[in-house]
């Protein structure tokens, strides 16, 4: 992702775990039960037994792999700890966003500028808050309307926005670029709100009007200096960058929205060009054969809004899987890499894994296991067929945002990270962005918890967003269900050559009703 230059805090933020006493006790009991299971599981290897874990997570049996070896049993019930995590992560967006203009800080609590991609995740968060009862529909509509009203007058180029904006004034910040991918992440949230707020209330009617206006005015063909590709960015000083989006990465969303435009669409040749580079990233790693991209966020972002289960473009039809299964395989690869732990980092294992684009403790070089090890600052860490970038920094978003793909390994990882490191990495708004148990720090720097190592003082908004959205997609498929009814997204998928599954069915209702929070959900892998 064109994620820009980010700051690193030079002073640790003060946060705390603020559960009420009774809820703290109940949560501790649940987590203690999980701890017993997780601590003993390693002795049995890849279990294929049927049983029930504490907290109501039921194991169904092994999932076949391409090479015939079993995967972990599938967890099909919702764990109560995730409800606490979801609410805390929602509060990040609700409480840090400006009520006046809807802008969301790139990071918190370190003072920062706003990120337009973060606003897209916030717009996706507000309906989740309504459905979960965190806020009222009227409160959400008011915040959404303030956000959309701001963007109708915000500085832009042909409908595309600057990556970073001043939180108060909305002016371009940090000499940032006009970003096609960050604008797309913003627009995905805009379209989600357009479909969700479907009542005849005057505010909801205005939301639909402004949302449609924002999407329709984007001239995707302007962002094609080298057609049919779409460029990454443009600046007033230098014009378009020399880089175009080509696959495979999070810019799937760019092309799908560009293809679906009713006013300035790109041609289907753009998707053909996008997928023409896929073979360079197709391969087998740690027993999984899939289309690779090293940081896990590339396997997650577009999936926040697009339900890829059972729908395939020509490339995926030829290779016998869909993008959902592809992301599942990428998730398993990361976990197996952590088990193998070829660089011998502290903490890595069966239930502590996940690296992606995130903050880090660097730049620094420190002695580690008799050698000099380099530690990165903000970087796109990851495990892929083409490259591996790993300095021992773990990002909770990497694992948790893959919840719908592989709950049977993500739920235990989420619980283990909390159980092992506790309040050092889990606070008012859920999991802090990253931590590195291998980086040498003082007891004070490690927030008083032995073994946590370096802990990021900040939450990063574009890592918070997928955590919240993917927990909700796992619980109720809310975002997927609403977006399956969006005519622009459907047209974009169809023009890209996708077919099958829900695309072949009659256009579904966009009713956002949520099922029981603890309802059983069946596996969705093809």
Protein backbone atom coordinates (compact mmCIF):
# COMPACT_ATOMS: atom_id res chain seq x y z
CA UNK A 1 0.00 0.00 0.00
CA UNK A 2 1.17 3.58 -0.65
CA UNK A 3 1.25 4.13 3.09
CA UNK A 4 3.47 7.19 3.26
CA UNK A 5 6.02 8.37 5.84
CA UNK A 6 4.95 7.79 9.41
CA UNK A 7 6.23 9.15 12.72
CA UNK A 8 7.43 7.02 15.65
CA UNK A 9 6.58 8.14 19.16
CA UNK A 10 9.44 9.22 21.37
CA UNK A 11 7.39 8.97 24.56
CA UNK A 12 5.21 6.09 25.65
CA UNK A 13 1.47 6.73 25.91
CA UNK A 14 -0.39 6.04 29.15
CA UNK A 15 -3.19 3.49 28.70
CA UNK A 16 -4.83 0.94 30.93
CA UNK A 17 -7.19 -2.00 30.91
CA UNK A 18 -10.57 -0.59 31.95
CA UNK A 19 -12.87 -3.60 32.32
CA UNK A 20 -15.44 -3.38 35.16
CA UNK A 21 -14.46 -5.67 38.09
CA UNK A 22 -17.09 -8.36 37.47
CA UNK A 23 -16.41 -8.46 33.75
CA UNK A 24 -12.67 -8.64 34.45
CA UNK A 25 -13.18 -11.71 36.64
CA UNK A 26 -15.40 -13.46 34.09
CA UNK A 27 -12.98 -12.72 31.27
CA UNK A 28 -10.08 -14.00 33.37
CA UNK A 29 -11.91 -17.28 33.96
CA UNK A 30 -12.51 -17.76 30.23
CA UNK A 31 -8.93 -16.91 29.35
CA UNK A 32 -7.54 -19.13 32.09
CA UNK A 33 -9.45 -22.03 30.60
CA UNK A 34 -8.02 -21.27 27.20
CA UNK A 35 -4.55 -21.07 28.66
CA UNK A 36 -4.78 -24.68 29.83
CA UNK A 37 -5.85 -25.82 26.38
CA UNK A 38 -3.24 -23.79 24.56
CA UNK A 39 -0.40 -24.76 26.87
CA UNK A 40 -1.12 -28.45 26.42
CA UNK A 41 -1.95 -28.38 22.70
CA UNK A 42 1.68 -28.21 21.63
CA UNK A 43 2.27 -31.70 23.01
CA UNK A 44 -0.25 -33.18 20.59
CA UNK A 45 0.83 -31.48 17.34
CA UNK A 46 -1.79 -30.97 14.63
CA UNK A 47 -4.82 -32.33 16.49
CA UNK A 48 -7.59 -34.04 14.56
CA UNK A 49 -9.80 -34.76 17.57
CA UNK A 50 -13.35 -33.49 17.85
CA UNK A 51 -14.11 -31.53 21.00
CA UNK A 52 -15.14 -28.23 22.53
CA UNK A 53 -12.75 -25.56 23.79
CA UNK A 54 -13.57 -23.29 26.73
CA UNK A 55 -15.56 -20.26 25.62
CA UNK A 56 -17.71 -22.25 23.21
CA UNK A 57 -15.27 -22.78 20.34
CA UNK A 58 -16.16 -26.17 18.86
CA UNK A 59 -13.61 -28.22 16.93
CA UNK A 60 -14.91 -30.06 13.88
CA UNK A 61 -11.92 -32.03 12.67
CA UNK A 62 -8.99 -31.57 10.29
CA UNK A 63 -9.18 -29.53 7.09
CA UNK A 64 -7.43 -31.13 4.09
CA UNK A 65 -4.45 -29.33 2.58
CA UNK A 66 -3.30 -29.46 -1.04
CA UNK A 67 -0.46 -31.76 -0.02
CA UNK A 68 -2.74 -34.05 2.00
CA UNK A 69 -1.57 -33.05 5.49
CA UNK A 70 -4.28 -32.00 7.97
CA UNK A 71 -4.94 -28.42 8.96
CA UNK A 72 -6.18 -27.32 12.34
CA UNK A 73 -9.76 -28.23 13.33
CA UNK A 74 -12.19 -25.45 12.43
CA UNK A 75 -13.56 -23.20 15.16
CA UNK A 76 -17.15 -22.36 14.31
CA UNK A 77 -18.48 -20.59 17.40
CA UNK A 78 -17.75 -17.03 18.41
CA UNK A 79 -15.47 -16.58 21.40
CA UNK A 80 -16.61 -14.00 24.01
CA UNK A 81 -13.20 -12.33 24.17
CA UNK A 82 -13.63 -11.17 20.55
CA UNK A 83 -16.73 -9.23 21.57
CA UNK A 84 -14.64 -7.16 23.98
CA UNK A 85 -11.96 -6.65 21.33
CA UNK A 86 -14.54 -5.61 18.74
CA UNK A 87 -16.12 -3.01 21.00
CA UNK A 88 -12.79 -1.55 22.07
CA UNK A 89 -11.62 -1.32 18.46
CA UNK A 90 -14.88 0.38 17.48
CA UNK A 91 -14.34 2.93 20.26
CA UNK A 92 -11.01 3.83 18.68
CA UNK A 93 -12.78 5.19 15.61
CA UNK A 94 -15.75 6.69 17.42
CA UNK A 95 -13.69 8.52 20.04
CA UNK A 96 -10.64 9.65 18.05
CA UNK A 97 -12.48 10.91 14.94
CA UNK A 98 -13.42 14.56 14.71
CA UNK A 99 -17.21 14.92 15.10
CA UNK A 100 -17.07 18.08 12.98
CA UNK A 101 -15.42 16.76 9.81
CA UNK A 102 -15.17 13.00 10.39
CA UNK A 103 -11.39 12.94 9.98
CA UNK A 104 -9.57 10.12 11.78
CA UNK A 105 -5.95 10.33 13.01
CA UNK A 106 -3.41 8.14 11.30
CA UNK A 107 -2.24 7.02 14.75
CA UNK A 108 -3.08 7.58 18.39
CA UNK A 109 -2.15 8.76 21.03
CA UNK A 110 0.88 10.28 19.28
CA UNK A 111 -0.43 13.46 17.64
CA UNK A 112 -0.76 12.95 13.91
CA UNK A 113 -2.49 14.08 10.77
CA UNK A 114 -5.60 12.39 9.43
CA UNK A 115 -5.51 9.44 7.04
CA UNK A 116 -8.20 9.22 4.36
CA UNK A 117 -7.90 5.42 4.39
CA UNK A 118 -8.62 5.55 8.11
CA UNK A 119 -11.78 7.51 7.33
CA UNK A 120 -12.87 4.72 4.99
CA UNK A 121 -12.48 2.22 7.82
CA UNK A 122 -14.32 4.58 10.19
CA UNK A 123 -17.26 4.87 7.79
CA UNK A 124 -17.32 1.07 7.76
CA UNK A 125 -17.17 1.02 11.56
CA UNK A 126 -20.20 3.21 12.27
CA UNK A 127 -22.87 0.81 10.96
CA UNK A 128 -21.15 -1.96 12.91
CA UNK A 129 -21.59 0.19 16.00
CA UNK A 130 -25.30 0.53 15.23
CA UNK A 131 -25.81 -3.20 14.76
CA UNK A 132 -23.90 -4.03 17.95
CA UNK A 133 -25.70 -1.40 20.00
CA UNK A 134 -22.62 0.69 20.76
CA UNK A 135 -24.27 3.80 19.27
CA UNK A 136 -27.68 4.67 17.85
CA UNK A 137 -28.49 4.78 14.17
CA UNK A 138 -29.12 8.51 14.47
CA UNK A 139 -25.67 9.05 16.01
CA UNK A 140 -24.04 7.08 13.22
CA UNK A 141 -25.96 8.91 10.52
CA UNK A 142 -24.94 12.26 11.97
CA UNK A 143 -21.24 11.30 12.00
CA UNK A 144 -21.41 9.85 8.48
CA UNK A 145 -23.17 12.91 7.13
CA UNK A 146 -20.56 15.22 8.67
CA UNK A 147 -17.81 13.11 7.07
CA UNK A 148 -19.34 13.02 3.60
CA UNK A 149 -20.16 16.73 3.71
CA UNK A 150 -16.53 17.50 4.45
CA UNK A 151 -15.24 15.40 1.56
CA UNK A 152 -17.56 17.03 -0.94
CA UNK A 153 -15.53 20.22 -0.42
CA UNK A 154 -12.11 18.79 0.54
CA UNK A 155 -9.13 19.47 -1.76
CA UNK A 156 -8.98 16.86 -4.52
CA UNK A 157 -7.81 16.14 -8.02
CA UNK A 158 -10.49 14.73 -10.32
CA UNK A 159 -12.20 13.22 -7.26
CA UNK A 160 -9.04 11.71 -5.73
CA UNK A 161 -7.87 12.94 -2.32
CA UNK A 162 -4.58 13.61 -0.60
CA UNK A 163 -3.40 10.72 1.54
CA UNK A 164 -2.96 12.82 4.70
CA UNK A 165 -4.97 15.82 5.83
CA UNK A 166 -4.74 18.25 8.72
CA UNK A 167 -7.12 17.00 11.42
CA UNK A 168 -8.62 20.45 12.01
CA UNK A 169 -8.48 22.29 8.70
CA UNK A 170 -8.60 19.38 6.25
CA UNK A 171 -5.74 20.85 4.24
CA UNK A 172 -3.09 18.67 2.61
CA UNK A 173 -0.64 17.48 5.27
CA UNK A 174 2.90 16.09 5.31
CA UNK A 175 3.42 17.01 1.62
CA UNK A 176 1.40 13.87 0.92
CA UNK A 177 0.40 12.51 -2.46
CA UNK A 178 -2.93 12.21 -4.17
CA UNK A 179 -3.33 8.48 -3.53
CA UNK A 180 -5.41 6.17 -5.69
CA UNK A 181 -5.43 3.29 -3.22
CA UNK A 182 -6.16 5.38 -0.14
CA UNK A 183 -8.95 7.15 -2.03
CA UNK A 184 -10.31 3.69 -2.90
CA UNK A 185 -10.28 2.64 0.76
CA UNK A 186 -12.16 5.83 1.59
CA UNK A 187 -14.68 5.21 -1.20
CA UNK A 188 -15.29 1.63 -0.07
CA UNK A 189 -16.48 3.02 3.26
CA UNK A 190 -18.53 5.65 1.43
CA UNK A 191 -20.30 3.03 -0.69
CA UNK A 192 -20.92 0.82 2.32
CA UNK A 193 -22.70 3.70 4.04
CA UNK A 194 -24.66 4.48 0.87
CA UNK A 195 -26.07 0.96 0.86
CA UNK A 196 -26.50 0.62 4.63
CA UNK A 197 -28.39 3.85 5.27
CA UNK A 198 -31.41 2.95 3.16
CA UNK A 199 -34.28 4.58 5.07
CA UNK A 200 -36.36 7.59 4.06
CA UNK A 201 -35.10 9.66 6.98
CA UNK A 202 -33.85 13.03 5.57
CA UNK A 203 -30.34 12.46 6.90
CA UNK A 204 -30.11 9.01 5.35
CA UNK A 205 -31.38 10.30 2.02
CA UNK A 206 -28.68 12.98 2.14
CA UNK A 207 -26.06 10.35 2.96
CA UNK A 208 -27.03 8.42 -0.16
CA UNK A 209 -26.96 11.57 -2.29
CA UNK A 210 -23.52 12.69 -1.13
CA UNK A 211 -22.04 9.19 -1.27
CA UNK A 212 -23.17 8.75 -4.86
CA UNK A 213 -21.85 12.18 -5.73
CA UNK A 214 -18.40 11.41 -4.28
CA UNK A 215 -18.07 8.13 -6.16
CA UNK A 216 -19.41 9.40 -9.47
CA UNK A 217 -17.07 12.38 -9.66
CA UNK A 218 -13.89 10.26 -9.49
CA UNK A 219 -12.27 10.25 -12.94
CA UNK A 220 -10.41 6.96 -12.94
CA UNK A 221 -9.19 7.50 -16.50
CA UNK A 222 -7.32 10.63 -15.36
CA UNK A 223 -5.22 8.34 -13.11
CA UNK A 224 -4.08 6.30 -16.14
CA UNK A 225 -1.05 8.11 -17.56
CA UNK A 226 0.06 4.72 -18.92
CA UNK A 227 -3.24 2.99 -19.73
CA UNK A 228 -4.71 0.58 -19.02
CA UNK A 229 -2.82 0.59 -15.69
CA UNK A 230 -3.76 2.92 -12.82
CA UNK A 231 -0.95 4.96 -11.28
CA UNK A 232 -0.12 4.87 -7.59
CA UNK A 233 -0.02 8.59 -6.95
CA UNK A 234 0.20 12.18 -8.14
CA UNK A 235 1.68 15.30 -6.55
CA UNK A 236 1.41 18.96 -7.55
CA UNK A 237 5.20 19.18 -7.69
CA UNK A 238 5.99 16.08 -9.73
CA UNK A 239 2.83 14.92 -11.40
CA UNK A 240 2.23 11.18 -11.60
CA UNK A 241 4.72 8.74 -10.13
CA UNK A 242 6.39 6.31 -12.48
CA UNK A 243 4.80 3.39 -10.65
CA UNK A 244 1.53 1.74 -11.61
CA UNK A 245 -0.56 -0.75 -9.66
CA UNK A 246 0.02 -4.29 -10.83
CA UNK A 247 -0.92 -7.47 -9.00
CA UNK A 248 -1.05 -9.01 -6.58
CA UNK A 249 -1.71 -6.69 -3.59
CA UNK A 250 -4.36 -4.57 -1.87
CA UNK A 251 -4.98 -2.51 -5.00
CA UNK A 252 -7.49 -5.10 -6.19
CA UNK A 253 -9.92 -2.62 -4.66
CA UNK A 254 -8.65 0.20 -6.89
CA UNK A 255 -9.39 -1.72 -10.07
CA UNK A 256 -12.74 -3.09 -8.94
CA UNK A 257 -14.01 0.38 -8.07
CA UNK A 258 -12.51 1.83 -11.23
CA UNK A 259 -14.24 -0.84 -13.35
CA UNK A 260 -17.56 -0.27 -11.60
CA UNK A 261 -17.70 3.48 -12.13
CA UNK A 262 -20.89 4.69 -13.87
CA UNK A 263 -19.16 7.87 -15.06
CA UNK A 264 -15.42 7.39 -15.72
CA UNK A 265 -14.70 3.65 -15.79
CA UNK A 266 -11.47 2.02 -16.86
CA UNK A 267 -11.65 -0.72 -19.48
CA UNK A 268 -11.66 -4.46 -18.65
CA UNK A 269 -8.15 -4.51 -20.12
CA UNK A 270 -7.02 -2.94 -16.84
CA UNK A 271 -7.89 -6.11 -14.92
CA UNK A 272 -6.23 -8.28 -17.54
CA UNK A 273 -3.06 -6.21 -17.16
CA UNK A 274 -3.36 -6.38 -13.35
CA UNK A 275 -3.50 -10.18 -13.33
CA UNK A 276 -0.86 -10.59 -16.06
CA UNK A 277 1.88 -10.28 -13.43
CA UNK A 278 0.38 -12.85 -11.05
CA UNK A 279 2.59 -15.71 -12.18
CA UNK A 280 5.59 -13.99 -10.65
CA UNK A 281 3.94 -14.31 -7.25
CA UNK A 282 2.41 -17.78 -7.59
CA UNK A 283 4.23 -20.56 -5.81
CA UNK A 284 4.45 -22.95 -2.86
CA UNK A 285 5.70 -21.96 0.57
CA UNK A 286 5.47 -23.94 3.83
CA UNK A 287 3.18 -26.50 2.21
CA UNK A 288 0.71 -23.98 0.73
CA UNK A 289 0.38 -23.21 -2.98
CA UNK A 290 -1.14 -19.80 -3.56
CA UNK A 291 -0.84 -16.30 -5.03
CA UNK A 292 1.54 -14.55 -2.69
CA UNK A 293 1.99 -11.11 -1.22
CA UNK A 294 4.32 -10.93 1.76
CA UNK A 295 2.47 -8.66 4.26
CA UNK A 296 -0.89 -10.12 5.29
CA UNK A 297 -2.74 -6.82 4.87
CA UNK A 298 -2.61 -7.36 1.11
CA UNK A 299 -4.65 -10.53 1.61
CA UNK A 300 -7.16 -8.72 3.84
CA UNK A 301 -7.97 -5.16 2.78
CA UNK A 302 -10.13 -5.76 -0.28
CA UNK A 303 -11.80 -8.67 1.52
CA UNK A 304 -13.18 -6.26 4.13
CA UNK A 305 -15.80 -5.17 1.57
CA UNK A 306 -15.80 -7.95 -1.04
CA UNK A 307 -17.07 -11.45 -0.32
CA UNK A 308 -14.83 -13.52 -2.58
CA UNK A 309 -16.23 -16.88 -1.52
CA UNK A 310 -17.28 -18.85 -4.56
CA UNK A 311 -16.64 -16.12 -7.14
CA UNK A 312 -13.65 -16.29 -9.45
CA UNK A 313 -11.98 -14.27 -12.15
CA UNK A 314 -10.33 -16.03 -15.14
CA UNK A 315 -6.99 -16.40 -13.35
CA UNK A 316 -8.46 -18.03 -10.27
CA UNK A 317 -10.74 -20.29 -12.33
CA UNK A 318 -7.65 -21.54 -14.13
CA UNK A 319 -5.92 -22.24 -10.82
CA UNK A 320 -8.87 -23.92 -9.12
CA UNK A 321 -9.46 -21.64 -6.12
CA UNK A 322 -10.92 -18.27 -5.21
CA UNK A 323 -9.34 -15.28 -3.47
CA UNK A 324 -10.89 -16.23 -0.12
CA UNK A 325 -9.17 -19.61 -0.17
CA UNK A 326 -6.01 -17.86 -1.37
CA UNK A 327 -6.03 -15.65 1.71
CA UNK A 328 -6.65 -18.68 3.89
CA UNK A 329 -3.52 -20.30 2.51
CA UNK A 330 -1.50 -17.13 3.05
CA UNK A 331 -2.67 -17.08 6.66
CA UNK A 332 -1.61 -20.69 7.24
CA UNK A 333 1.76 -19.95 5.68
CA UNK A 334 2.43 -17.22 8.21
CA UNK A 335 1.56 -19.46 11.12
CA UNK A 336 3.80 -22.27 9.83
CA UNK A 337 6.62 -19.80 9.30
CA UNK A 338 6.32 -18.75 12.95
CA UNK A 339 6.42 -22.38 14.07
CA UNK A 340 9.53 -23.00 11.98
CA UNK A 341 10.97 -19.66 13.18
CA UNK A 342 14.09 -19.82 10.98
CA UNK A 343 15.50 -16.61 12.49
CA UNK A 344 14.93 -17.77 16.08
CA UNK A 345 12.95 -14.77 17.26
CA UNK A 346 11.52 -14.73 20.76
CA UNK A 347 7.83 -15.51 21.21
CA UNK A 348 7.14 -17.00 17.77
CA UNK A 349 5.16 -20.25 17.74
CA UNK A 350 1.89 -22.10 17.13
CA UNK A 351 -0.25 -19.38 18.69
CA UNK A 352 1.93 -16.29 18.48
CA UNK A 353 2.38 -15.30 14.85
CA UNK A 354 1.52 -12.68 12.26
CA UNK A 355 3.64 -10.05 10.54
CA UNK A 356 2.43 -7.30 8.25
CA UNK A 357 2.98 -3.61 7.54
CA UNK A 358 3.30 -2.13 11.02
CA UNK A 359 5.35 -0.02 13.38
CA UNK A 360 8.62 -1.40 14.69
CA UNK A 361 11.32 -0.60 17.27
CA UNK A 362 13.96 0.60 14.79
CA UNK A 363 15.82 1.77 12.96
CA UNK A 364 18.41 0.08 15.12
CA UNK A 365 21.10 -2.57 15.12
CA UNK A 366 21.37 -4.65 18.27
CA UNK A 367 23.23 -7.82 19.30
CA UNK A 368 21.00 -10.88 19.12
CA UNK A 369 22.08 -14.52 19.64
CA UNK A 370 25.71 -13.64 19.08
CA UNK A 371 25.12 -11.63 15.91
CA UNK A 372 24.09 -8.12 14.91
CA UNK A 373 20.39 -7.92 14.07
CA UNK A 374 18.70 -5.08 12.23
CA UNK A 375 15.36 -3.83 13.50
CA UNK A 376 13.09 -1.79 11.28
CA UNK A 377 10.89 1.24 11.92
CA UNK A 378 7.56 1.30 10.06
CA UNK A 379 7.92 -1.38 7.40
CA UNK A 380 5.99 -3.84 5.24
CA UNK A 381 7.04 -7.03 7.00
CA UNK A 382 5.76 -10.31 5.66
CA UNK A 383 6.23 -13.85 4.41
CA UNK A 384 5.79 -14.44 0.71
CA UNK A 385 6.94 -16.62 -2.16
CA UNK A 386 8.98 -13.75 -3.56
CA UNK A 387 10.36 -12.25 -0.33
CA UNK A 388 10.44 -12.46 3.46
CA UNK A 389 10.89 -9.36 5.64
CA UNK A 390 11.05 -10.23 9.34
CA UNK A 391 12.76 -8.50 12.26
CA UNK A 392 10.83 -10.22 15.06
CA UNK A 393 8.06 -7.61 15.17
CA UNK A 394 4.57 -9.06 15.59
CA UNK A 395 1.43 -7.16 14.57
CA UNK A 396 -1.83 -8.42 16.11
CA UNK A 397 -3.75 -7.11 13.10
CA UNK A 398 -1.94 -9.61 10.87
CA UNK A 399 -3.53 -12.63 12.52
CA UNK A 400 -6.82 -11.17 13.75
CA UNK A 401 -7.79 -9.62 10.40
CA UNK A 402 -7.63 -13.12 8.91
CA UNK A 403 -10.35 -14.35 11.28
CA UNK A 404 -12.92 -15.21 8.57
CA UNK A 405 -10.33 -17.16 6.56
CA UNK A 406 -8.99 -19.43 9.30
CA UNK A 407 -10.79 -19.01 12.63
CA UNK A 408 -9.45 -22.34 13.87
CA UNK A 409 -5.95 -20.85 14.13
CA UNK A 410 -6.78 -17.14 14.51
CA UNK A 411 -8.95 -17.47 17.63
CA UNK A 412 -6.26 -19.36 19.60
CA UNK A 413 -3.63 -16.85 18.43
CA UNK A 414 -5.72 -13.89 19.54
CA UNK A 415 -6.30 -15.41 22.96
CA UNK A 416 -2.69 -16.46 23.40
CA UNK A 417 -1.38 -12.99 22.59
CA UNK A 418 -3.66 -11.50 25.21
CA UNK A 419 -3.03 -14.22 27.79
CA UNK A 420 0.73 -14.16 27.43
CA UNK A 421 1.33 -10.41 27.17
CA UNK A 422 -1.86 -9.00 28.68
CA UNK A 423 -2.13 -5.30 29.41
CA UNK A 424 1.30 -4.65 27.94
CA UNK A 425 -0.21 -4.94 24.45
CA UNK A 426 -3.98 -4.75 25.13
CA UNK A 427 -5.52 -1.55 26.39
CA UNK A 428 -8.33 0.98 25.97
CA UNK A 429 -8.77 0.49 22.24
CA UNK A 430 -7.78 -3.16 21.96
CA UNK A 431 -4.39 -4.36 20.76
CA UNK A 432 -1.64 -1.81 20.32
CA UNK A 433 -0.18 -1.87 16.84
CA UNK A 434 2.89 -4.06 17.30
CA UNK A 435 5.38 -5.55 19.72
CA UNK A 436 8.78 -7.22 19.48
CA UNK A 437 9.80 -9.66 22.25
CA UNK A 438 13.30 -9.93 20.75
CA UNK A 439 14.16 -6.25 20.97
CA UNK A 440 16.18 -5.41 24.12
CA UNK A 441 14.36 -2.92 26.36
CA UNK A 442 14.30 -2.01 30.01
CA UNK A 443 11.54 -3.25 32.32
CA UNK A 444 10.02 0.23 32.25
CA UNK A 445 10.03 0.32 28.45
CA UNK A 446 8.29 -3.05 28.29
CA UNK A 447 5.33 -1.66 30.25
CA UNK A 448 6.14 -3.84 33.24
CA UNK A 449 5.37 -7.22 31.62
CA UNK A 450 8.25 -9.63 31.28
CA UNK A 451 8.70 -11.07 27.79
CA UNK A 452 6.79 -8.39 25.88
CA UNK A 453 9.97 -6.66 24.75
CA UNK A 454 9.37 -3.50 22.74
CA UNK A 455 5.71 -2.48 22.63
CA UNK A 456 4.34 0.17 20.28
CA UNK A 457 2.82 3.07 22.24
CA UNK A 458 0.38 3.72 19.40
CA UNK A 459 -2.68 2.35 17.69
CA UNK A 460 -2.47 2.65 13.89
CA UNK A 461 -5.85 3.32 12.31
CA UNK A 462 -5.43 1.32 9.11
CA UNK A 463 -4.50 -1.70 11.20
CA UNK A 464 -7.40 -1.16 13.60
CA UNK A 465 -9.92 -0.99 10.75
CA UNK A 466 -9.49 -4.52 9.39
CA UNK A 467 -9.57 -5.99 12.91
CA UNK A 468 -13.00 -4.50 13.56
CA UNK A 469 -14.42 -5.19 10.11
CA UNK A 470 -13.24 -8.78 9.88
CA UNK A 471 -14.49 -9.67 13.35
CA UNK A 472 -17.92 -8.42 12.26
CA UNK A 473 -17.76 -10.22 8.91
CA UNK A 474 -17.02 -13.39 10.84
CA UNK A 475 -19.84 -12.78 13.31
CA UNK A 476 -22.61 -11.74 10.94
CA UNK A 477 -21.19 -11.10 7.43
CA UNK A 478 -22.66 -7.61 7.79
CA UNK A 479 -20.30 -5.77 5.44
CA UNK A 480 -20.27 -8.57 2.89
CA UNK A 481 -24.06 -8.84 2.87
CA UNK A 482 -24.57 -5.13 2.41
CA UNK A 483 -21.91 -4.81 -0.29
CA UNK A 484 -23.24 -7.78 -2.25
CA UNK A 485 -26.17 -5.50 -3.04
CA UNK A 486 -24.03 -2.56 -4.17
CA UNK A 487 -24.56 -2.14 -7.94
CA UNK A 488 -21.20 -0.47 -8.52
CA UNK A 489 -19.20 -3.22 -6.85
CA UNK A 490 -21.17 -5.90 -8.67
CA UNK A 491 -20.52 -4.19 -11.99
CA UNK A 492 -16.81 -3.87 -11.20
CA UNK A 493 -16.54 -7.55 -10.40
CA UNK A 494 -18.45 -8.58 -13.50
CA UNK A 495 -16.39 -6.34 -15.78
CA UNK A 496 -13.26 -7.90 -14.27
CA UNK A 497 -14.57 -11.31 -15.36
CA UNK A 498 -15.78 -12.63 -12.01
CA UNK A 499 -18.61 -15.13 -12.06
CA UNK A 500 -20.22 -17.82 -9.93
CA UNK A 501 -21.54 -17.81 -6.39
CA UNK A 502 -23.59 -14.87 -5.23
CA UNK A 503 -22.87 -12.93 -8.42
CA UNK A 504 -25.06 -15.39 -10.30
CA UNK A 505 -27.94 -15.13 -7.84
CA UNK A 506 -30.65 -12.53 -7.85
CA UNK A 507 -29.41 -9.31 -6.28
CA UNK A 508 -29.76 -9.88 -2.51
CA UNK A 509 -31.52 -7.71 0.02
CA UNK A 510 -29.20 -5.24 1.74
CA UNK A 511 -31.06 -5.57 5.03
CA UNK A 512 -28.38 -5.21 7.70
CA UNK A 513 -30.09 -7.27 10.39
CA UNK A 514 -27.53 -9.08 12.52
CA UNK A 515 -27.92 -12.62 13.75
CA UNK A 516 -27.41 -13.67 17.35
CA UNK A 517 -23.87 -12.72 18.42
CA UNK A 518 -23.15 -16.29 19.48
CA UNK A 519 -24.76 -18.04 16.50
CA UNK A 520 -22.96 -21.00 14.96
CA UNK A 521 -21.31 -20.22 11.65
CA UNK A 522 -20.20 -22.88 9.23
CA UNK A 523 -16.88 -22.86 7.44
CA UNK A 524 -16.87 -20.95 4.19
CA UNK A 525 -13.79 -22.33 2.49
CA UNK A 526 -14.37 -23.72 -1.00
